[in-house]
Amino acid sequence: MALCLNPDCGQPNNDDANSSCATCGSPLLLRDRYRVVKAIGQGGFGATYLGQDLQLPGEPLCVIKQLLPQVQDPEIMLMARELFRREAKTLGRIGSHPQVPTLLDYFEAPEGFYLVQEYIRGKTLEQEVREQGVYSETATKQFLSELLPLLQYLHNQGVIHRDIKPANLLRRDIDRRLVLIDFGAVKDQVSQIQGGSGLTALTSFSVGTRGYAPPEQLAMRPVYSSDLYSLGVTCLFLMTGKGPQDLDYNPVTGELLWRNSVQVSDALATVLGKMLAASVRYRYQRAEQVMTALDLQPYHDSLIQGLSALPPGAPPIKPSSGRTGSGYPSPQERQAEAIRARRRDRSGNRPEQLADAQQIAAWTGGTSNTSGNNSAGRLSLNARDILATYQRGRRDFSQQPLNRIDLSESQLPSVNFQGAQLKESLFVAAQLERADFGQANLHRANLRRANLHQAYFGNADLSFANLQKADLSDAILSNANLRGTNLCGANLRGAKLTPVQLKMAKTNWWTILPDGRRGRLF
């Protein structure tokens, strides 16, 4: 379907084959290149659409933002256009960062002003929590470790986002990384729009979602610390599933009363309390201060340098590799993936994705080797690589091909194996408390006697895995595949999983169930 953007058109829906609207005769292609497929969102000063770039192979999807203020005042129109240009300039300056959508085009047409951005395939964190459940403390700290370096980058560029919330954070399908969206400077006008995450209050100089925006921002004096407040409120939503409007607050200070709603360590509670201070004076001023307080400093360099960070002494990655040093896809690689995704949508086939050998070798200091269990030419990390880079402060080994790896008796607390291939891997008696195995493939893995306290296994495949006598207390196994999983003698006290999942697994009298009872579940 092709959509006509003429606001006066009575029937905007058209067939793809049409070059002009069958109803009003308006051209259906913007710049003879972009076809609008459907509307995504609508506001008082414009609309957002899903489109296709017909000049690229595969006709990949893109996001098209249209400035079309419903006002007659020429001064407001002039200001709206200036703010729209400012948004384009900002995105052009920061859009090369792998956690920000790439600006693809900016132009003016008879129907209005347009921004064309990279389309991010994925779900918002708001959707993720609604579908998969709330975050653990480990998952929340992992979330902060991804977002804080991005905020530091934005603030160093002089950019205050001003609308950080779960609905504006997408988990990208291609690499499971978080992407911050909606740099909508055109919202800096007097208006109100009803969004999925609450009422967005807009003034001549301020923008922000009620409850997520701190007092100084709504008073038209946003500072860098304002984004940290919004990030703190986002953490509360991730851990409770409740928006700020559902939490009590102190009628004297206006601060949220959240402490009894979450189960976190005193250390994390202290950090969140300072992020959520109503007064700027008592709040963290910069993102790096929060990282230091959370003890994220050991691998801070690899996080903040989103485009070029490498371990000390590691060889540089050649530009032809197409992948950034931190493991994030570059804008060019993301565009290529969009083209491949469009082709997959048409053909129904999914070509095998090969890891970038140069990137892995550079990341590990050149110690990786070729595994016969992987596709030809694909390099994988070995146990020595994992342990060595972990000792250098790295915790992120997500999306890596690690089938049959032997990490028995290793010390890897808080390690991130999200989305990793770990079939038939060995973690016997390993220390893996607070580890992240979300969406990992652990089919027939051996985690016997492993310490998995507060570990995260959301959507992981643990089919026929051996977790006999493992400590899974307070672990999160939401939507994990436990078919044939050996939980005999395992400690599941406080773990989050359903009776249906337990019935699929093997338990015995020595299994401690989530409610503290001992024995099999019938």
Protein backbone atom coordinates (compact mmCIF):
# COMPACT_ATOMS: atom_id res chain seq x y z
CA MET A 1 0.00 0.00 0.00
CA ALA A 2 1.09 3.58 -0.72
CA LEU A 3 -0.19 6.45 1.41
CA CYS A 4 -1.01 9.92 0.08
CA LEU A 5 0.23 12.72 2.36
CA ASN A 6 -2.05 15.44 1.02
CA PRO A 7 -3.93 16.55 4.18
CA ASP A 8 -7.00 17.38 2.10
CA CYS A 9 -7.17 13.95 0.43
CA GLY A 10 -10.36 12.09 1.29
CA GLN A 11 -9.04 8.60 0.45
CA PRO A 12 -5.23 8.47 0.99
CA ASN A 13 -4.82 4.68 0.59
CA ASN A 14 -3.46 3.61 -2.82
CA ASP A 15 -2.04 0.56 -4.54
CA ASP A 16 1.75 0.21 -4.70
CA ALA A 17 1.64 0.41 -8.48
CA ASN A 18 0.16 3.92 -8.46
CA SER A 19 2.55 6.81 -9.09
CA SER A 20 -0.06 9.40 -8.10
CA CYS A 21 -3.02 9.35 -5.75
CA ALA A 22 -6.16 7.92 -7.35
CA THR A 23 -8.29 10.35 -5.35
CA CYS A 24 -6.53 13.74 -5.44
CA GLY A 25 -3.79 13.20 -8.03
CA SER A 26 -0.90 14.11 -5.68
CA PRO A 27 2.46 12.35 -6.31
CA LEU A 28 2.91 9.33 -4.05
CA LEU A 29 6.72 9.35 -4.03
CA LEU A 30 8.65 11.88 -1.96
CA ARG A 31 11.67 13.13 -3.88
CA ASP A 32 10.90 10.41 -6.45
CA ARG A 33 12.42 8.02 -3.94
CA TYR A 34 10.45 7.42 -0.75
CA ARG A 35 7.08 5.66 -0.67
CA VAL A 36 4.97 6.09 2.47
CA VAL A 37 3.54 2.76 3.63
CA LYS A 38 1.59 3.56 6.79
CA ALA A 39 1.23 6.08 9.61
CA ILE A 40 3.10 5.39 12.88
CA GLY A 41 2.20 8.41 15.02
CA GLN A 42 0.42 11.74 14.86
CA GLY A 43 0.94 14.97 16.81
CA GLY A 44 -0.08 18.59 16.75
CA PHE A 45 2.92 19.63 14.65
CA GLY A 46 3.40 16.69 12.32
CA ALA A 47 3.29 12.96 11.80
CA THR A 48 5.60 9.96 11.58
CA TYR A 49 5.32 7.33 8.86
CA LEU A 50 6.86 4.02 7.86
CA GLY A 51 8.28 4.27 4.36
CA GLN A 52 10.43 2.50 1.77
CA ASP A 53 13.53 3.72 -0.02
CA LEU A 54 12.91 2.64 -3.62
CA GLN A 55 16.39 3.62 -4.83
CA LEU A 56 18.24 1.07 -2.67
CA PRO A 57 18.40 -2.67 -3.39
CA GLY A 58 15.67 -4.51 -1.57
CA GLU A 59 13.74 -1.29 -1.00
CA PRO A 60 14.52 -1.17 2.77
CA LEU A 61 12.16 0.40 5.27
CA CYS A 62 12.78 3.84 6.73
CA VAL A 63 11.06 6.26 9.10
CA ILE A 64 9.69 9.48 7.60
CA LYS A 65 8.87 12.39 9.90
CA GLN A 66 6.69 15.14 8.42
CA LEU A 67 6.44 18.65 9.85
CA LEU A 68 2.92 19.86 9.25
CA PRO A 69 1.85 22.25 12.04
CA GLN A 70 -1.89 22.76 12.33
CA VAL A 71 -1.52 26.47 13.06
CA GLN A 72 -2.03 29.69 11.14
CA ASP A 73 0.32 31.97 13.10
CA PRO A 74 3.28 32.74 10.77
CA GLU A 75 5.64 33.27 13.73
CA ILE A 76 4.87 29.83 15.13
CA MET A 77 5.31 28.31 11.68
CA LEU A 78 8.68 30.01 11.35
CA MET A 79 9.75 28.73 14.79
CA ALA A 80 8.53 25.21 14.00
CA ARG A 81 10.57 25.14 10.79
CA GLU A 82 13.65 26.38 12.61
CA LEU A 83 13.27 23.71 15.29
CA PHE A 84 12.79 21.06 12.64
CA ARG A 85 16.01 22.16 10.95
CA ARG A 86 17.72 22.07 14.34
CA GLU A 87 16.57 18.48 14.85
CA ALA A 88 17.98 17.55 11.44
CA LYS A 89 21.27 19.25 12.30
CA THR A 90 21.44 17.47 15.66
CA LEU A 91 20.72 14.08 14.14
CA GLY A 92 23.27 14.72 11.43
CA ARG A 93 25.86 15.42 14.11
CA ILE A 94 25.13 12.51 16.45
CA GLY A 95 23.50 10.00 14.07
CA SER A 96 26.78 8.19 13.43
CA HIS A 97 26.60 6.80 16.98
CA PRO A 98 25.48 3.16 16.88
CA GLN A 99 22.74 3.73 19.49
CA VAL A 100 21.08 6.59 17.61
CA PRO A 101 19.07 6.19 14.38
CA THR A 102 20.99 7.40 11.34
CA LEU A 103 19.67 10.48 9.55
CA LEU A 104 19.26 9.47 5.90
CA ASP A 105 17.68 12.56 4.33
CA TYR A 106 16.18 15.98 5.03
CA PHE A 107 14.18 18.02 2.52
CA GLU A 108 11.21 20.31 1.89
CA ALA A 109 8.22 19.39 -0.29
CA PRO A 110 4.86 21.04 -1.01
CA GLU A 111 3.26 18.92 1.72
CA GLY A 112 5.77 20.00 4.40
CA PHE A 113 9.27 19.44 5.74
CA TYR A 114 10.62 15.91 6.01
CA LEU A 115 13.23 13.95 7.95
CA VAL A 116 14.09 10.44 6.80
CA GLN A 117 15.70 8.20 9.41
CA GLU A 118 16.94 4.65 9.68
CA TYR A 119 14.17 2.20 10.59
CA ILE A 120 15.04 0.22 13.73
CA ARG A 121 13.54 -3.25 13.86
CA GLY A 122 12.79 -4.13 17.45
CA LYS A 123 10.52 -3.60 20.42
CA THR A 124 10.45 -0.79 22.94
CA LEU A 125 11.37 -1.50 26.53
CA GLU A 126 7.77 -0.68 27.40
CA GLN A 127 6.64 -3.57 25.20
CA GLU A 128 9.43 -5.81 26.49
CA VAL A 129 8.40 -5.40 30.14
CA ARG A 130 4.71 -5.89 29.35
CA GLU A 131 5.46 -9.13 27.47
CA GLN A 132 8.39 -10.63 29.39
CA GLY A 133 8.12 -9.26 32.90
CA VAL A 134 10.14 -6.89 35.04
CA TYR A 135 13.93 -6.60 35.21
CA SER A 136 16.16 -8.00 37.92
CA GLU A 137 18.85 -5.87 39.54
CA THR A 138 21.42 -7.49 37.23
CA ALA A 139 19.39 -6.69 34.13
CA THR A 140 18.85 -3.12 35.35
CA LYS A 141 22.57 -2.56 35.86
CA GLN A 142 23.21 -4.00 32.40
CA PHE A 143 20.65 -1.52 31.05
CA LEU A 144 22.45 1.36 32.76
CA SER A 145 25.82 0.14 31.45
CA GLU A 146 24.44 0.53 27.90
CA LEU A 147 22.63 3.85 28.34
CA LEU A 148 25.02 5.89 30.48
CA PRO A 149 27.85 5.97 27.91
CA LEU A 150 25.35 7.06 25.28
CA LEU A 151 24.12 9.90 27.50
CA GLN A 152 27.70 10.97 28.13
CA TYR A 153 28.27 11.06 24.38
CA LEU A 154 25.12 13.14 23.79
CA HIS A 155 25.91 15.55 26.60
CA ASN A 156 29.46 16.00 25.33
CA GLN A 157 27.84 17.02 22.04
CA GLY A 158 25.72 19.60 23.86
CA VAL A 159 22.50 17.58 23.40
CA ILE A 160 19.89 17.06 26.13
CA HIS A 161 17.39 14.44 24.99
CA ARG A 162 14.63 15.56 27.40
CA ASP A 163 12.27 12.65 26.77
CA ILE A 164 13.98 9.45 27.96
CA LYS A 165 11.36 6.82 28.77
CA PRO A 166 10.73 3.12 28.01
CA ALA A 167 8.67 3.96 24.91
CA ASN A 168 11.67 5.83 23.42
CA LEU A 169 14.14 2.99 23.94
CA LEU A 170 14.20 0.20 21.35
CA ARG A 171 16.00 -3.12 21.60
CA ARG A 172 17.33 -3.62 18.08
CA ASP A 173 16.68 -7.07 16.62
CA ILE A 174 19.96 -7.29 14.70
CA ASP A 175 22.22 -7.17 17.78
CA ARG A 176 19.87 -6.83 20.81
CA ARG A 177 21.39 -3.44 21.63
CA LEU A 178 19.42 -0.48 22.96
CA VAL A 179 18.71 2.46 20.65
CA LEU A 180 17.45 5.86 21.83
CA ILE A 181 14.84 7.37 19.53
CA ASP A 182 12.70 10.51 19.24
CA PHE A 183 14.97 13.55 19.15
CA GLY A 184 11.86 15.57 18.31
CA ALA A 185 12.84 19.21 18.63
CA VAL A 186 9.59 20.14 16.89
CA LYS A 187 7.83 19.35 20.14
CA ASP A 188 9.23 22.51 21.72
CA GLN A 189 5.91 24.26 21.31
CA VAL A 190 2.76 24.77 23.35
CA SER A 191 0.74 21.60 22.81
CA GLN A 192 -0.33 18.34 24.41
CA ILE A 193 -0.22 14.92 22.84
CA GLN A 194 -1.42 11.66 24.30
CA GLY A 195 1.25 8.95 23.94
CA GLY A 196 1.54 5.32 24.89
CA SER A 197 3.64 6.10 27.97
CA GLY A 198 1.57 8.98 29.31
CA LEU A 199 0.75 12.58 28.59
CA THR A 200 3.61 14.54 27.05
CA ALA A 201 3.63 18.12 28.28
CA LEU A 202 5.09 20.63 25.83
CA THR A 203 5.89 24.29 26.37
CA SER A 204 7.71 26.95 24.40
CA PHE A 205 11.05 25.79 25.76
CA SER A 206 10.52 22.45 27.47
CA VAL A 207 9.53 18.98 26.41
CA GLY A 208 9.11 15.84 28.42
CA THR A 209 6.71 13.15 29.55
CA ARG A 210 4.86 13.82 32.76
CA GLY A 211 6.43 11.84 35.59
CA TYR A 212 9.63 11.17 33.66
CA ALA A 213 10.62 14.84 33.35
CA PRO A 214 12.14 16.47 36.48
CA PRO A 215 10.86 19.78 37.90
CA GLU A 216 13.54 22.00 36.35
CA GLN A 217 12.78 20.66 32.90
CA LEU A 218 9.07 21.39 33.17
CA ALA A 219 10.07 24.82 34.49
CA MET A 220 11.85 25.41 31.15
CA ARG A 221 15.38 25.05 32.58
CA PRO A 222 16.58 21.60 31.44
CA VAL A 223 20.15 20.57 32.28
CA TYR A 224 22.20 17.46 31.57
CA SER A 225 21.15 16.08 34.93
CA SER A 226 17.54 16.13 33.72
CA ASP A 227 18.25 13.16 31.47
CA LEU A 228 19.69 11.25 34.44
CA TYR A 229 16.45 11.80 36.38
CA SER A 230 14.42 10.45 33.45
CA LEU A 231 16.79 7.47 33.23
CA GLY A 232 16.24 6.77 36.93
CA VAL A 233 12.45 6.81 36.52
CA THR A 234 12.87 4.46 33.54
CA CYS A 235 14.77 2.05 35.81
CA LEU A 236 11.84 2.06 38.23
CA PHE A 237 9.49 1.10 35.42
CA LEU A 238 11.80 -1.70 34.29
CA MET A 239 11.93 -3.16 37.82
CA THR A 240 8.27 -2.67 38.78
CA GLY A 241 6.28 -2.46 35.55
CA LYS A 242 4.71 0.71 36.96
CA GLY A 243 4.89 4.15 35.43
CA PRO A 244 5.65 7.16 37.67
CA GLN A 245 1.95 8.02 37.79
CA ASP A 246 1.35 4.70 39.59
CA LEU A 247 3.92 5.37 42.34
CA ASP A 248 3.31 7.38 45.49
CA TYR A 249 5.23 10.58 46.08
CA ASN A 250 6.23 12.79 48.97
CA PRO A 251 3.75 15.70 49.07
CA VAL A 252 6.39 17.95 50.65
CA THR A 253 9.39 17.33 48.38
CA GLY A 254 7.59 15.87 45.34
CA GLU A 255 10.04 12.95 45.23
CA LEU A 256 8.82 9.48 44.26
CA LEU A 257 8.37 6.96 47.08
CA TRP A 258 9.75 3.92 45.31
CA ARG A 259 12.08 2.13 47.75
CA ASN A 260 9.50 -0.38 49.02
CA SER A 261 8.41 -1.22 45.45
CA VAL A 262 11.71 -2.78 44.35
CA GLN A 263 14.07 -5.40 45.74
CA VAL A 264 17.58 -4.16 45.07
CA SER A 265 20.84 -3.94 46.96
CA ASP A 266 21.52 -0.93 49.15
CA ALA A 267 24.30 0.09 46.74
CA LEU A 268 21.99 0.31 43.73
CA ALA A 269 19.26 1.92 45.82
CA THR A 270 21.67 4.66 46.86
CA VAL A 271 22.58 5.38 43.24
CA LEU A 272 18.95 5.43 42.11
CA GLY A 273 18.04 7.69 45.03
CA LYS A 274 20.59 10.26 43.91
CA MET A 275 19.49 10.00 40.26
CA LEU A 276 15.88 10.61 41.35
CA ALA A 277 16.53 13.58 43.62
CA ALA A 278 13.92 16.26 42.88
CA SER A 279 16.49 19.01 43.36
CA VAL A 280 19.26 19.31 40.79
CA ARG A 281 21.61 20.28 43.59
CA TYR A 282 21.42 16.78 45.14
CA ARG A 283 21.38 14.84 41.87
CA TYR A 284 24.26 13.43 39.84
CA GLN A 285 25.41 16.08 37.39
CA ARG A 286 27.05 13.90 34.73
CA ALA A 287 26.64 10.37 33.41
CA GLU A 288 30.20 9.41 34.29
CA GLN A 289 29.46 10.09 37.97
CA VAL A 290 26.72 7.47 37.90
CA MET A 291 29.04 5.00 36.17
CA THR A 292 31.68 5.52 38.84
CA ALA A 293 29.09 5.03 41.60
CA LEU A 294 27.92 1.80 39.97
CA ASP A 295 31.49 0.55 39.65
CA LEU A 296 31.21 0.45 35.87
CA GLN A 297 34.50 2.30 35.50
CA PRO A 298 36.66 -0.81 34.76
CA TYR A 299 35.10 -1.14 31.31
CA HIS A 300 33.94 2.43 30.95
CA ASP A 301 36.30 3.14 28.04
CA SER A 302 34.88 0.31 25.94
CA LEU A 303 31.35 1.59 26.53
CA ILE A 304 31.75 5.33 26.03
CA GLN A 305 33.72 5.06 22.81
CA GLY A 306 30.77 3.66 20.90
CA LEU A 307 32.49 3.96 17.54
CA SER A 308 36.13 3.18 18.18
CA ALA A 309 36.85 1.61 21.58
CA LEU A 310 39.27 -1.32 21.67
CA PRO A 311 41.16 -3.08 24.47
CA PRO A 312 44.57 -1.61 25.31
CA GLY A 313 47.12 -2.75 22.77
CA ALA A 314 44.58 -4.35 20.45
CA PRO A 315 45.16 -3.88 16.70
CA PRO A 316 42.82 -1.41 15.01
CA ILE A 317 39.91 -2.69 12.98
CA LYS A 318 40.19 -2.08 9.28
CA PRO A 319 37.49 0.23 7.88
CA SER A 320 36.36 -2.53 5.53
CA SER A 321 35.18 -4.64 8.44
CA GLY A 322 31.99 -2.58 8.62
CA ARG A 323 31.62 -3.10 12.37
CA THR A 324 32.51 -0.73 15.15
CA GLY A 325 35.09 -1.56 17.77
CA SER A 326 32.54 -1.93 20.55
CA GLY A 327 30.71 -4.66 18.67
CA TYR A 328 27.90 -2.39 17.50
CA PRO A 329 26.93 -2.45 13.83
CA SER A 330 28.05 0.64 11.93
CA PRO A 331 25.44 2.78 10.12
CA GLN A 332 26.51 1.17 6.85
CA GLU A 333 26.15 -2.33 8.28
CA ARG A 334 22.76 -1.49 9.74
CA GLN A 335 21.63 -0.19 6.35
CA ALA A 336 22.88 -3.38 4.71
CA GLU A 337 20.98 -5.43 7.29
CA ALA A 338 17.83 -3.42 6.53
CA ILE A 339 18.21 -4.38 2.87
CA ARG A 340 18.74 -8.04 3.76
CA ALA A 341 15.76 -7.94 6.10
CA ARG A 342 13.54 -6.55 3.35
CA ARG A 343 14.69 -9.33 1.03
CA ARG A 344 13.99 -11.92 3.73
CA ASP A 345 10.50 -10.49 4.16
CA ARG A 346 9.90 -11.02 0.46
CA SER A 347 11.49 -14.43 0.02
CA GLY A 348 10.88 -15.95 3.44
CA ASN A 349 14.52 -17.04 3.62
CA ARG A 350 17.01 -15.95 6.26
CA PRO A 351 20.63 -16.05 5.06
CA GLU A 352 23.13 -17.17 7.65
CA GLN A 353 24.86 -14.25 9.34
CA LEU A 354 28.60 -14.61 9.72
CA ALA A 355 30.54 -12.95 12.49
CA ASP A 356 33.20 -10.41 11.57
CA ALA A 357 36.47 -12.26 12.10
CA GLN A 358 38.60 -9.12 12.25
CA GLN A 359 36.36 -7.53 14.87
CA ILE A 360 36.50 -10.58 17.15
CA ALA A 361 40.25 -10.96 16.74
CA ALA A 362 40.83 -7.28 17.51
CA TRP A 363 38.51 -7.39 20.52
CA THR A 364 40.40 -10.31 22.06
CA GLY A 365 43.85 -9.13 21.15
CA GLY A 366 44.15 -11.61 18.30
CA THR A 367 43.80 -14.80 20.39
CA SER A 368 40.61 -16.10 18.78
CA ASN A 369 40.69 -19.21 16.67
CA THR A 370 38.54 -20.92 14.09
CA SER A 371 36.13 -23.49 15.43
CA GLY A 372 35.00 -26.42 13.38
CA ASN A 373 31.57 -26.09 14.94
CA ASN A 374 30.96 -22.76 13.24
CA SER A 375 30.45 -21.71 9.67
CA ALA A 376 33.45 -21.53 7.39
CA GLY A 377 35.60 -18.50 8.05
CA ARG A 378 33.80 -17.59 11.28
CA LEU A 379 35.99 -17.02 14.33
CA SER A 380 34.83 -17.80 17.84
CA LEU A 381 36.16 -16.94 21.26
CA ASN A 382 37.68 -19.75 23.29
CA ALA A 383 37.70 -20.15 27.08
CA ARG A 384 41.09 -18.45 27.37
CA ASP A 385 39.77 -15.42 25.45
CA ILE A 386 36.74 -15.14 27.71
CA LEU A 387 38.74 -15.35 30.93
CA ALA A 388 41.49 -13.02 29.73
CA THR A 389 39.18 -10.27 28.51
CA TYR A 390 36.99 -10.65 31.60
CA GLN A 391 40.06 -10.04 33.76
CA ARG A 392 40.72 -6.86 31.73
CA GLY A 393 37.31 -5.57 32.79
CA ARG A 394 35.05 -6.65 29.94
CA ARG A 395 31.71 -8.22 30.77
CA ASP A 396 29.91 -8.24 27.41
CA PHE A 397 30.15 -11.48 25.42
CA SER A 398 26.65 -11.26 23.98
CA GLN A 399 25.71 -12.76 20.59
CA GLN A 400 28.96 -14.75 20.42
CA PRO A 401 29.21 -18.31 18.98
CA LEU A 402 30.45 -20.24 22.03
CA ASN A 403 29.08 -23.75 21.48
CA ARG A 404 30.86 -26.50 23.52
CA ILE A 405 33.03 -23.98 25.36
CA ASP A 406 34.40 -25.21 28.71
CA LEU A 407 34.22 -22.59 31.47
CA SER A 408 33.89 -25.01 34.37
CA GLU A 409 34.85 -23.62 37.80
CA SER A 410 35.42 -20.16 36.26
CA GLN A 411 34.74 -16.91 38.15
CA LEU A 412 32.43 -14.84 35.92
CA PRO A 413 29.94 -12.90 38.09
CA SER A 414 27.76 -10.38 36.21
CA VAL A 415 28.96 -11.64 32.83
CA ASN A 416 26.75 -10.92 29.82
CA PHE A 417 26.07 -13.89 27.52
CA GLN A 418 22.85 -12.44 26.16
CA GLY A 419 21.87 -14.09 22.88
CA ALA A 420 25.06 -16.20 22.80
CA GLN A 421 25.22 -19.68 21.25
CA LEU A 422 26.18 -21.94 24.18
CA LYS A 423 24.91 -25.35 23.11
CA GLU A 424 26.58 -28.23 25.00
CA SER A 425 28.79 -25.76 26.85
CA LEU A 426 30.30 -26.58 30.27
CA PHE A 427 29.79 -24.32 33.28
CA VAL A 428 30.18 -26.95 35.99
CA ALA A 429 30.62 -25.30 39.43
CA ALA A 430 31.12 -21.91 37.78
CA GLN A 431 30.47 -18.67 39.68
CA LEU A 432 27.84 -16.95 37.52
CA GLU A 433 25.78 -14.94 39.98
CA ARG A 434 23.89 -12.04 38.35
CA ALA A 435 24.93 -13.29 34.89
CA ASP A 436 22.76 -12.43 31.89
CA PHE A 437 21.81 -15.40 29.69
CA GLY A 438 18.77 -13.72 28.17
CA GLN A 439 17.80 -15.31 24.82
CA ALA A 440 20.94 -17.48 24.92
CA ASN A 441 20.93 -20.99 23.44
CA LEU A 442 21.97 -23.34 26.27
CA HIS A 443 20.58 -26.55 24.77
CA ARG A 444 22.19 -29.53 26.58
CA ALA A 445 24.58 -27.21 28.44
CA ASN A 446 26.03 -28.48 31.73
CA LEU A 447 25.62 -25.99 34.61
CA ARG A 448 25.73 -28.57 37.39
CA ARG A 449 26.46 -27.02 40.80
CA ALA A 450 26.85 -23.56 39.20
CA ASN A 451 26.15 -20.45 41.26
CA LEU A 452 23.39 -18.71 39.28
CA HIS A 453 21.97 -16.55 42.04
CA GLN A 454 19.97 -13.65 40.52
CA ALA A 455 20.97 -14.76 37.01
CA TYR A 456 18.75 -13.75 34.10
CA PHE A 457 17.47 -16.42 31.66
CA GLY A 458 14.59 -14.57 30.01
CA ASN A 459 13.61 -16.32 26.74
CA ALA A 460 16.69 -18.57 26.95
CA ASP A 461 16.72 -22.13 25.57
CA LEU A 462 17.62 -24.43 28.46
CA SER A 463 16.13 -27.55 26.91
CA PHE A 464 17.79 -30.73 28.24
CA ALA A 465 20.38 -28.64 30.09
CA ASN A 466 21.85 -30.03 33.33
CA LEU A 467 21.23 -27.68 36.26
CA GLN A 468 21.43 -30.37 38.90
CA LYS A 469 22.24 -28.87 42.33
CA ALA A 470 22.64 -25.41 40.77
CA ASP A 471 21.83 -22.34 42.85
CA LEU A 472 19.06 -20.54 40.94
CA SER A 473 17.76 -18.54 43.88
CA ASP A 474 16.10 -15.27 42.78
CA ALA A 475 16.94 -16.10 39.15
CA ILE A 476 14.61 -14.94 36.37
CA LEU A 477 13.55 -17.67 33.95
CA SER A 478 10.60 -15.90 32.34
CA ASN A 479 9.64 -17.59 29.05
CA ALA A 480 12.72 -19.84 29.21
CA ASN A 481 12.45 -23.23 27.50
CA LEU A 482 12.82 -25.81 30.31
CA ARG A 483 11.80 -28.89 28.33
CA GLY A 484 13.77 -31.81 29.75
CA THR A 485 15.93 -29.53 31.92
CA ASN A 486 17.45 -31.33 34.92
CA LEU A 487 16.57 -29.35 38.05
CA CYS A 488 17.07 -32.20 40.49
CA GLY A 489 18.48 -30.78 43.72
CA ALA A 490 18.47 -27.22 42.33
CA ASN A 491 17.68 -24.27 44.57
CA LEU A 492 14.84 -22.29 42.93
CA ARG A 493 13.87 -20.26 46.00
CA GLY A 494 12.52 -16.90 44.83
CA ALA A 495 13.09 -17.73 41.16
CA LYS A 496 10.62 -16.34 38.63
CA LEU A 497 9.11 -19.06 36.45
CA THR A 498 5.66 -20.60 35.96
CA PRO A 499 4.30 -23.99 37.12
CA VAL A 500 3.97 -24.91 33.44
CA GLN A 501 7.71 -24.41 32.97
CA LEU A 502 8.46 -26.49 36.07
CA LYS A 503 6.32 -29.36 34.86
CA MET A 504 8.40 -29.53 31.67
CA ALA A 505 11.61 -29.94 33.70
CA LYS A 506 12.92 -32.78 35.83
CA THR A 507 12.70 -32.21 39.59
CA ASN A 508 13.04 -34.46 42.66
CA TRP A 509 12.56 -34.35 46.41
CA TRP A 510 15.75 -32.31 46.85
CA THR A 511 14.61 -29.56 44.50
CA ILE A 512 13.75 -26.35 46.40
CA LEU A 513 10.76 -24.78 44.66
CA PRO A 514 10.26 -21.00 44.21
CA ASP A 515 7.96 -20.82 47.25
CA GLY A 516 10.60 -22.48 49.44
CA ARG A 517 8.94 -25.90 49.56
CA ARG A 518 11.02 -28.96 48.83
CA GLY A 519 9.96 -31.68 46.42
CA ARG A 520 8.56 -32.32 42.97
CA LEU A 521 5.75 -30.21 41.51
CA PHE A 522 2.77 -32.33 40.47
